[in-house]
PDB file of N, CA and C in Angstrom:
ATOM      1  N   MET A   1      19.694 -21.494  -0.113  1.00  0.00           N
ATOM      2  CA  MET A   1      19.493 -20.259  -0.823  1.00  0.00           C
ATOM      3  C   MET A   1      19.711 -19.090   0.146  1.00  0.00           C
ATOM      4  N   ARG A   2      20.237 -18.012  -0.376  1.00  0.00           N
ATOM      5  CA  ARG A   2      20.564 -16.832   0.405  1.00  0.00           C
ATOM      6  C   ARG A   2      19.303 -16.042   0.733  1.00  0.00           C
ATOM      7  N   ASP A   3      19.257 -15.461   1.942  1.00  0.00           N
ATOM      8  CA  ASP A   3      18.121 -14.639   2.341  1.00  0.00           C
ATOM      9  C   ASP A   3      18.275 -13.256   1.726  1.00  0.00           C
ATOM     10  N   THR A   4      17.314 -12.849   0.916  1.00  0.00           N
ATOM     11  CA  THR A   4      17.402 -11.560   0.232  1.00  0.00           C
ATOM     12  C   THR A   4      16.756 -10.433   1.007  1.00  0.00           C
ATOM     13  N   GLY A   5      16.022 -10.729   2.043  1.00  0.00           N
ATOM     14  CA  GLY A   5      15.334  -9.697   2.791  1.00  0.00           C
ATOM     15  C   GLY A   5      13.998  -9.296   2.187  1.00  0.00           C
ATOM     16  N   CYS A   6      13.624  -9.931   1.104  1.00  0.00           N
ATOM     17  CA  CYS A   6      12.336  -9.638   0.473  1.00  0.00           C
ATOM     18  C   CYS A   6      11.221 -10.385   1.208  1.00  0.00           C
ATOM     19  N   PRO A   7      10.015  -9.820   1.204  1.00  0.00           N
ATOM     20  CA  PRO A   7       8.904 -10.536   1.831  1.00  0.00           C
ATOM     21  C   PRO A   7       8.544 -11.766   1.004  1.00  0.00           C
ATOM     22  N   PRO A   8       7.865 -12.729   1.611  1.00  0.00           N
ATOM     23  CA  PRO A   8       7.448 -13.917   0.859  1.00  0.00           C
ATOM     24  C   PRO A   8       6.535 -13.553  -0.317  1.00  0.00           C
ATOM     25  N   PHE A   9       6.626 -14.365  -1.355  1.00  0.00           N
ATOM     26  CA  PHE A   9       5.862 -14.111  -2.581  1.00  0.00           C
ATOM     27  C   PHE A   9       4.364 -14.069  -2.308  1.00  0.00           C
ATOM     28  N   LEU A  10       3.869 -14.980  -1.472  1.00  0.00           N
ATOM     29  CA  LEU A  10       2.429 -15.010  -1.205  1.00  0.00           C
ATOM     30  C   LEU A  10       1.954 -13.769  -0.459  1.00  0.00           C
ATOM     31  N   GLU A  11       2.809 -13.183   0.377  1.00  0.00           N
ATOM     32  CA  GLU A  11       2.434 -11.949   1.070  1.00  0.00           C
ATOM     33  C   GLU A  11       2.322 -10.784   0.082  1.00  0.00           C
ATOM     34  N   VAL A  12       3.276 -10.695  -0.838  1.00  0.00           N
ATOM     35  CA  VAL A  12       3.223  -9.651  -1.859  1.00  0.00           C
ATOM     36  C   VAL A  12       2.002  -9.858  -2.750  1.00  0.00           C
ATOM     37  N   LEU A  13       1.754 -11.092  -3.127  1.00  0.00           N
ATOM     38  CA  LEU A  13       0.606 -11.402  -3.975  1.00  0.00           C
ATOM     39  C   LEU A  13      -0.715 -11.085  -3.272  1.00  0.00           C
ATOM     40  N   SER A  14      -0.801 -11.377  -1.978  1.00  0.00           N
ATOM     41  CA  SER A  14      -2.037 -11.094  -1.256  1.00  0.00           C
ATOM     42  C   SER A  14      -2.266  -9.590  -1.114  1.00  0.00           C
ATOM     43  N   CYS A  15      -1.200  -8.831  -0.882  1.00  0.00           N
ATOM     44  CA  CYS A  15      -1.356  -7.372  -0.801  1.00  0.00           C
ATOM     45  C   CYS A  15      -1.796  -6.795  -2.136  1.00  0.00           C
ATOM     46  N   LEU A  16      -1.169  -7.244  -3.215  1.00  0.00           N
ATOM     47  CA  LEU A  16      -1.553  -6.753  -4.540  1.00  0.00           C
ATOM     48  C   LEU A  16      -2.975  -7.137  -4.892  1.00  0.00           C
ATOM     49  N   SER A  17      -3.376  -8.359  -4.558  1.00  0.00           N
ATOM     50  CA  SER A  17      -4.742  -8.772  -4.873  1.00  0.00           C
ATOM     51  C   SER A  17      -5.757  -8.006  -4.038  1.00  0.00           C
ATOM     52  N   CYS A  18      -5.441  -7.698  -2.778  1.00  0.00           N
ATOM     53  CA  CYS A  18      -6.351  -6.886  -1.959  1.00  0.00           C
ATOM     54  C   CYS A  18      -6.508  -5.495  -2.551  1.00  0.00           C
ATOM     55  N   ILE A  19      -5.404  -4.905  -3.013  1.00  0.00           N
ATOM     56  CA  ILE A  19      -5.468  -3.574  -3.604  1.00  0.00           C
ATOM     57  C   ILE A  19      -6.305  -3.605  -4.880  1.00  0.00           C
ATOM     58  N   ILE A  20      -6.040  -4.562  -5.749  1.00  0.00           N
ATOM     59  CA  ILE A  20      -6.746  -4.637  -7.027  1.00  0.00           C
ATOM     60  C   ILE A  20      -8.231  -4.919  -6.825  1.00  0.00           C
ATOM     61  N   LEU A  21      -8.558  -5.870  -5.963  1.00  0.00           N
ATOM     62  CA  LEU A  21      -9.973  -6.197  -5.733  1.00  0.00           C
ATOM     63  C   LEU A  21     -10.723  -5.047  -5.058  1.00  0.00           C
ATOM     64  N   SER A  22     -10.068  -4.359  -4.130  1.00  0.00           N
ATOM     65  CA  SER A  22     -10.734  -3.233  -3.468  1.00  0.00           C
ATOM     66  C   SER A  22     -10.974  -2.091  -4.438  1.00  0.00           C
ATOM     67  N   LEU A  23      -9.985  -1.794  -5.283  1.00  0.00           N
ATOM     68  CA  LEU A  23     -10.191  -0.747  -6.284  1.00  0.00           C
ATOM     69  C   LEU A  23     -11.277  -1.145  -7.284  1.00  0.00           C
ATOM     70  N   ALA A  24     -11.346  -2.423  -7.614  1.00  0.00           N
ATOM     71  CA  ALA A  24     -12.410  -2.892  -8.512  1.00  0.00           C
ATOM     72  C   ALA A  24     -13.782  -2.753  -7.850  1.00  0.00           C
ATOM     73  N   MET A  25     -13.870  -3.038  -6.575  1.00  0.00           N
ATOM     74  CA  MET A  25     -15.155  -2.903  -5.879  1.00  0.00           C
ATOM     75  C   MET A  25     -15.556  -1.435  -5.755  1.00  0.00           C
ATOM     76  N   ILE A  26     -14.590  -0.543  -5.521  1.00  0.00           N
ATOM     77  CA  ILE A  26     -14.906   0.881  -5.481  1.00  0.00           C
ATOM     78  C   ILE A  26     -15.410   1.333  -6.853  1.00  0.00           C
ATOM     79  N   GLY A  27     -14.762   0.873  -7.905  1.00  0.00           N
ATOM     80  CA  GLY A  27     -15.216   1.202  -9.255  1.00  0.00           C
ATOM     81  C   GLY A  27     -16.600   0.657  -9.537  1.00  0.00           C
ATOM     82  N   TRP A  28     -16.875  -0.534  -9.051  1.00  0.00           N
ATOM     83  CA  TRP A  28     -18.200  -1.134  -9.250  1.00  0.00           C
ATOM     84  C   TRP A  28     -19.263  -0.333  -8.502  1.00  0.00           C
ATOM     85  N   LEU A  29     -18.922   0.130  -7.292  1.00  0.00           N
ATOM     86  CA  LEU A  29     -19.867   0.959  -6.543  1.00  0.00           C
ATOM     87  C   LEU A  29     -20.112   2.286  -7.254  1.00  0.00           C
ATOM     88  N   LEU A  30     -19.058   2.860  -7.823  1.00  0.00           N
ATOM     89  CA  LEU A  30     -19.218   4.129  -8.538  1.00  0.00           C
ATOM     90  C   LEU A  30     -20.096   3.967  -9.773  1.00  0.00           C
ATOM     91  N   LEU A  31     -20.062   2.791 -10.368  1.00  0.00           N
ATOM     92  CA  LEU A  31     -20.878   2.546 -11.551  1.00  0.00           C
ATOM     93  C   LEU A  31     -22.366   2.618 -11.228  1.00  0.00           C
ATOM     94  N   TRP A  32     -22.727   2.186 -10.033  1.00  0.00           N
ATOM     95  CA  TRP A  32     -24.139   2.116  -9.668  1.00  0.00           C
ATOM     96  C   TRP A  32     -24.657   3.365  -8.964  1.00  0.00           C
ATOM     97  N   LEU A  33     -23.788   4.337  -8.703  1.00  0.00           N
ATOM     98  CA  LEU A  33     -24.264   5.556  -8.036  1.00  0.00           C
ATOM     99  C   LEU A  33     -25.019   6.443  -9.024  1.00  0.00           C
ATOM    100  N   PRO A  34     -26.126   7.000  -8.595  1.00  0.00           N
ATOM    101  CA  PRO A  34     -26.911   7.851  -9.493  1.00  0.00           C
ATOM    102  C   PRO A  34     -26.371   9.284  -9.536  1.00  0.00           C
ATOM    103  N   ALA A  35     -25.684   9.638 -10.566  1.00  0.00           N
ATOM    104  CA  ALA A  35     -25.308  11.016 -10.924  1.00  0.00           C
ATOM    105  C   ALA A  35     -24.628  11.808  -9.806  1.00  0.00           C
ATOM    106  N   TRP A  36     -23.966  11.163  -8.902  1.00  0.00           N
ATOM    107  CA  TRP A  36     -23.166  11.818  -7.850  1.00  0.00           C
ATOM    108  C   TRP A  36     -23.963  12.790  -6.990  1.00  0.00           C
ATOM    109  N   ASN A  37     -25.207  12.498  -6.750  1.00  0.00           N
ATOM    110  CA  ASN A  37     -25.999  13.320  -5.844  1.00  0.00           C
ATOM    111  C   ASN A  37     -25.773  12.795  -4.427  1.00  0.00           C
ATOM    112  N   VAL A  38     -25.151  13.609  -3.576  1.00  0.00           N
ATOM    113  CA  VAL A  38     -24.765  13.161  -2.232  1.00  0.00           C
ATOM    114  C   VAL A  38     -25.982  12.829  -1.379  1.00  0.00           C
ATOM    115  N   GLN A  39     -27.076  13.478  -1.616  1.00  0.00           N
ATOM    116  CA  GLN A  39     -28.276  13.223  -0.827  1.00  0.00           C
ATOM    117  C   GLN A  39     -28.905  11.879  -1.165  1.00  0.00           C
ATOM    118  N   VAL A  40     -28.628  11.355  -2.353  1.00  0.00           N
ATOM    119  CA  VAL A  40     -29.212  10.087  -2.775  1.00  0.00           C
ATOM    120  C   VAL A  40     -28.370   8.904  -2.291  1.00  0.00           C
ATOM    121  N   ILE A  41     -27.084   9.110  -2.086  1.00  0.00           N
ATOM    122  CA  ILE A  41     -26.183   8.026  -1.700  1.00  0.00           C
ATOM    123  C   ILE A  41     -26.514   7.576  -0.283  1.00  0.00           C
ATOM    124  N   SER A  42     -26.732   6.283  -0.113  1.00  0.00           N
ATOM    125  CA  SER A  42     -27.106   5.761   1.196  1.00  0.00           C
ATOM    126  C   SER A  42     -25.879   5.589   2.097  1.00  0.00           C
ATOM    127  N   LEU A  43     -26.140   5.389   3.361  1.00  0.00           N
ATOM    128  CA  LEU A  43     -25.075   5.245   4.351  1.00  0.00           C
ATOM    129  C   LEU A  43     -24.249   3.986   4.102  1.00  0.00           C
ATOM    130  N   GLU A  44     -24.890   2.928   3.625  1.00  0.00           N
ATOM    131  CA  GLU A  44     -24.167   1.682   3.369  1.00  0.00           C
ATOM    132  C   GLU A  44     -23.083   1.863   2.312  1.00  0.00           C
ATOM    133  N   VAL A  45     -23.375   2.668   1.301  1.00  0.00           N
ATOM    134  CA  VAL A  45     -22.397   2.916   0.242  1.00  0.00           C
ATOM    135  C   VAL A  45     -21.185   3.650   0.804  1.00  0.00           C
ATOM    136  N   TRP A  46     -21.426   4.646   1.666  1.00  0.00           N
ATOM    137  CA  TRP A  46     -20.310   5.362   2.287  1.00  0.00           C
ATOM    138  C   TRP A  46     -19.480   4.430   3.162  1.00  0.00           C
ATOM    139  N   VAL A  47     -20.126   3.518   3.865  1.00  0.00           N
ATOM    140  CA  VAL A  47     -19.401   2.556   4.702  1.00  0.00           C
ATOM    141  C   VAL A  47     -18.528   1.645   3.834  1.00  0.00           C
ATOM    142  N   PHE A  48     -19.064   1.187   2.713  1.00  0.00           N
ATOM    143  CA  PHE A  48     -18.277   0.347   1.814  1.00  0.00           C
ATOM    144  C   PHE A  48     -17.101   1.112   1.204  1.00  0.00           C
ATOM    145  N   PHE A  49     -17.327   2.378   0.817  1.00  0.00           N
ATOM    146  CA  PHE A  49     -16.227   3.199   0.315  1.00  0.00           C
ATOM    147  C   PHE A  49     -15.120   3.312   1.356  1.00  0.00           C
ATOM    148  N   LEU A  50     -15.507   3.604   2.573  1.00  0.00           N
ATOM    149  CA  LEU A  50     -14.531   3.749   3.649  1.00  0.00           C
ATOM    150  C   LEU A  50     -13.800   2.436   3.914  1.00  0.00           C
ATOM    151  N   ALA A  51     -14.537   1.330   3.952  1.00  0.00           N
ATOM    152  CA  ALA A  51     -13.926   0.027   4.225  1.00  0.00           C
ATOM    153  C   ALA A  51     -12.933  -0.366   3.131  1.00  0.00           C
ATOM    154  N   PHE A  52     -13.335  -0.214   1.879  1.00  0.00           N
ATOM    155  CA  PHE A  52     -12.423  -0.563   0.786  1.00  0.00           C
ATOM    156  C   PHE A  52     -11.244   0.395   0.709  1.00  0.00           C
ATOM    157  N   GLY A  53     -11.460   1.646   1.053  1.00  0.00           N
ATOM    158  CA  GLY A  53     -10.354   2.600   1.102  1.00  0.00           C
ATOM    159  C   GLY A  53      -9.351   2.240   2.179  1.00  0.00           C
ATOM    160  N   VAL A  54      -9.834   1.822   3.338  1.00  0.00           N
ATOM    161  CA  VAL A  54      -8.936   1.398   4.423  1.00  0.00           C
ATOM    162  C   VAL A  54      -8.152   0.155   4.007  1.00  0.00           C
ATOM    163  N   ILE A  55      -8.799  -0.773   3.333  1.00  0.00           N
ATOM    164  CA  ILE A  55      -8.115  -1.981   2.862  1.00  0.00           C
ATOM    165  C   ILE A  55      -7.013  -1.626   1.871  1.00  0.00           C
ATOM    166  N   VAL A  56      -7.284  -0.694   0.966  1.00  0.00           N
ATOM    167  CA  VAL A  56      -6.280  -0.287  -0.015  1.00  0.00           C
ATOM    168  C   VAL A  56      -5.088   0.366   0.679  1.00  0.00           C
ATOM    169  N   VAL A  57      -5.350   1.281   1.597  1.00  0.00           N
ATOM    170  CA  VAL A  57      -4.257   1.971   2.290  1.00  0.00           C
ATOM    171  C   VAL A  57      -3.451   1.000   3.136  1.00  0.00           C
ATOM    172  N   TYR A  58      -4.119   0.118   3.874  1.00  0.00           N
ATOM    173  CA  TYR A  58      -3.415  -0.844   4.723  1.00  0.00           C
ATOM    174  C   TYR A  58      -2.561  -1.807   3.884  1.00  0.00           C
ATOM    175  N   SER A  59      -3.112  -2.318   2.798  1.00  0.00           N
ATOM    176  CA  SER A  59      -2.356  -3.235   1.942  1.00  0.00           C
ATOM    177  C   SER A  59      -1.181  -2.528   1.280  1.00  0.00           C
ATOM    178  N   PHE A  60      -1.384  -1.282   0.859  1.00  0.00           N
ATOM    179  CA  PHE A  60      -0.306  -0.521   0.237  1.00  0.00           C
ATOM    180  C   PHE A  60       0.818  -0.273   1.240  1.00  0.00           C
ATOM    181  N   MET A  61       0.479   0.074   2.470  1.00  0.00           N
ATOM    182  CA  MET A  61       1.514   0.312   3.486  1.00  0.00           C
ATOM    183  C   MET A  61       2.271  -0.972   3.831  1.00  0.00           C
ATOM    184  N   ARG A  62       1.567  -2.100   3.909  1.00  0.00           N
ATOM    185  CA  ARG A  62       2.258  -3.376   4.166  1.00  0.00           C
ATOM    186  C   ARG A  62       3.182  -3.750   3.021  1.00  0.00           C
ATOM    187  N   LEU A  63       2.741  -3.473   1.804  1.00  0.00           N
ATOM    188  CA  LEU A  63       3.559  -3.763   0.630  1.00  0.00           C
ATOM    189  C   LEU A  63       4.804  -2.884   0.614  1.00  0.00           C
ATOM    190  N   ILE A  64       4.652  -1.611   0.881  1.00  0.00           N
ATOM    191  CA  ILE A  64       5.804  -0.705   0.924  1.00  0.00           C
ATOM    192  C   ILE A  64       6.736  -1.077   2.069  1.00  0.00           C
ATOM    193  N   GLN A  65       6.187  -1.411   3.212  1.00  0.00           N
ATOM    194  CA  GLN A  65       7.015  -1.783   4.357  1.00  0.00           C
ATOM    195  C   GLN A  65       7.783  -3.073   4.088  1.00  0.00           C
ATOM    196  N   GLY A  66       7.179  -4.003   3.375  1.00  0.00           N
ATOM    197  CA  GLY A  66       7.857  -5.258   3.078  1.00  0.00           C
ATOM    198  C   GLY A  66       8.917  -5.119   2.000  1.00  0.00           C
ATOM    199  N   LEU A  67       8.629  -4.320   0.972  1.00  0.00           N
ATOM    200  CA  LEU A  67       9.568  -4.196  -0.139  1.00  0.00           C
ATOM    201  C   LEU A  67      10.662  -3.163   0.119  1.00  0.00           C
ATOM    202  N   PHE A  68      10.334  -2.098   0.847  1.00  0.00           N
ATOM    203  CA  PHE A  68      11.294  -1.028   1.107  1.00  0.00           C
ATOM    204  C   PHE A  68      11.336  -0.732   2.602  1.00  0.00           C
ATOM    205  N   PRO A  69      11.925  -1.593   3.409  1.00  0.00           N
ATOM    206  CA  PRO A  69      11.876  -1.410   4.866  1.00  0.00           C
ATOM    207  C   PRO A  69      12.656  -0.192   5.355  1.00  0.00           C
ATOM    208  N   LEU A  70      13.661   0.248   4.629  1.00  0.00           N
ATOM    209  CA  LEU A  70      14.449   1.382   5.093  1.00  0.00           C
ATOM    210  C   LEU A  70      13.735   2.718   4.918  1.00  0.00           C
ATOM    211  N   TRP A  71      12.751   2.779   4.039  1.00  0.00           N
ATOM    212  CA  TRP A  71      12.034   4.028   3.816  1.00  0.00           C
ATOM    213  C   TRP A  71      11.226   4.453   5.032  1.00  0.00           C
ATOM    214  N   LEU A  72      10.703   3.516   5.774  1.00  0.00           N
ATOM    215  CA  LEU A  72       9.838   3.845   6.898  1.00  0.00           C
ATOM    216  C   LEU A  72      10.567   3.859   8.231  1.00  0.00           C
ATOM    217  N   ARG A  73      11.839   3.503   8.231  1.00  0.00           N
ATOM    218  CA  ARG A  73      12.595   3.480   9.475  1.00  0.00           C
ATOM    219  C   ARG A  73      12.971   4.907   9.857  1.00  0.00           C
ATOM    220  N   ALA A  74      12.730   5.258  11.106  1.00  0.00           N
ATOM    221  CA  ALA A  74      13.036   6.606  11.572  1.00  0.00           C
ATOM    222  C   ALA A  74      14.513   6.698  11.986  1.00  0.00           C
ATOM    223  N   GLY A  75      15.016   7.895  11.956  1.00  0.00           N
ATOM    224  CA  GLY A  75      16.389   8.121  12.399  1.00  0.00           C
ATOM    225  C   GLY A  75      17.332   8.323  11.238  1.00  0.00           C
ATOM    226  N   PRO A  76      18.572   8.735  11.570  1.00  0.00           N
ATOM    227  CA  PRO A  76      19.530   9.039  10.511  1.00  0.00           C
ATOM    228  C   PRO A  76      19.994   7.807   9.739  1.00  0.00           C
ATOM    229  N   GLY A  77      19.909   6.620  10.315  1.00  0.00           N
ATOM    230  CA  GLY A  77      20.348   5.415   9.626  1.00  0.00           C
ATOM    231  C   GLY A  77      19.295   4.817   8.711  1.00  0.00           C
ATOM    232  N   GLY A  78      18.114   5.392   8.692  1.00  0.00           N
ATOM    233  CA  GLY A  78      17.034   4.827   7.905  1.00  0.00           C
ATOM    234  C   GLY A  78      16.945   5.358   6.492  1.00  0.00           C
ATOM    235  N   SER A  79      17.665   6.391   6.195  1.00  0.00           N
ATOM    236  CA  SER A  79      17.574   6.992   4.870  1.00  0.00           C
ATOM    237  C   SER A  79      18.371   6.194   3.856  1.00  0.00           C
ATOM    238  N   VAL A  80      17.817   6.016   2.691  1.00  0.00           N
ATOM    239  CA  VAL A  80      18.501   5.302   1.622  1.00  0.00           C
ATOM    240  C   VAL A  80      19.732   6.090   1.181  1.00  0.00           C
ATOM    241  N   MET A  81      19.614   7.401   1.175  1.00  0.00           N
ATOM    242  CA  MET A  81      20.740   8.240   0.775  1.00  0.00           C
ATOM    243  C   MET A  81      21.911   8.074   1.733  1.00  0.00           C
ATOM    244  N   VAL A  82      21.647   7.946   3.033  1.00  0.00           N
ATOM    245  CA  VAL A  82      22.717   7.744   4.008  1.00  0.00           C
ATOM    246  C   VAL A  82      23.420   6.422   3.737  1.00  0.00           C
ATOM    247  N   LYS A  83      22.666   5.389   3.410  1.00  0.00           N
ATOM    248  CA  LYS A  83      23.270   4.088   3.113  1.00  0.00           C
ATOM    249  C   LYS A  83      24.160   4.166   1.878  1.00  0.00           C
ATOM    250  N   VAL A  84      23.718   4.884   0.856  1.00  0.00           N
ATOM    251  CA  VAL A  84      24.524   5.028  -0.355  1.00  0.00           C
ATOM    252  C   VAL A  84      25.804   5.790  -0.053  1.00  0.00           C
ATOM    253  N   LEU A  85      25.706   6.833   0.749  1.00  0.00           N
ATOM    254  CA  LEU A  85      26.898   7.606   1.107  1.00  0.00           C
ATOM    255  C   LEU A  85      27.871   6.775   1.932  1.00  0.00           C
ATOM    256  N   GLU A  86      27.336   5.909   2.815  1.00  0.00           N
ATOM    257  CA  GLU A  86      28.216   5.021   3.583  1.00  0.00           C
ATOM    258  C   GLU A  86      28.951   4.058   2.680  1.00  0.00           C
ATOM    259  N   ILE A  87      28.283   3.526   1.671  1.00  0.00           N
ATOM    260  CA  ILE A  87      28.913   2.600   0.740  1.00  0.00           C
ATOM    261  C   ILE A  87      29.991   3.326  -0.053  1.00  0.00           C
ATOM    262  N   ASP A  88      29.715   4.559  -0.485  1.00  0.00           N
ATOM    263  CA  ASP A  88      30.700   5.343  -1.217  1.00  0.00           C
ATOM    264  C   ASP A  88      31.917   5.663  -0.354  1.00  0.00           C
ATOM    265  N   ALA A  89      31.697   5.962   0.933  1.00  0.00           N
ATOM    266  CA  ALA A  89      32.797   6.310   1.812  1.00  0.00           C
ATOM    267  C   ALA A  89      33.685   5.109   2.087  1.00  0.00           C
ATOM    268  N   VAL A  90      33.103   3.928   2.180  1.00  0.00           N
ATOM    269  CA  VAL A  90      33.892   2.714   2.418  1.00  0.00           C
ATOM    270  C   VAL A  90      34.734   2.376   1.189  1.00  0.00           C
ATOM    271  N   GLY A  91      34.189   2.649  -0.002  1.00  0.00           N
ATOM    272  CA  GLY A  91      34.897   2.313  -1.239  1.00  0.00           C
ATOM    273  C   GLY A  91      36.087   3.195  -1.502  1.00  0.00           C
ATOM    274  N   GLU A  92      36.179   4.357  -0.896  1.00  0.00           N
ATOM    275  CA  GLU A  92      37.289   5.284  -1.164  1.00  0.00           C
ATOM    276  C   GLU A  92      38.513   4.987  -0.392  1.00  0.00           C
TER     277      GLU A  92
END
């Protein structure tokens, strides 16, 4: 089978499941907070919010990096638009 450059299915699935479960846990924490009074919210809740937020951001960045590797590459050759223009120039 030909290599498509896509990340393995289990890696994509694990990133998506981390994002979904972390967002569900943040929602569950929000359900139990009393009326958004910042003085009532304990330190543990803030730590969990931060931890789940970091997990969501990290998983999202890994997913984007795996599915769209050219978007994060620096330099003039990393732009998708440059690649499209190169393909158009070769075809002429």
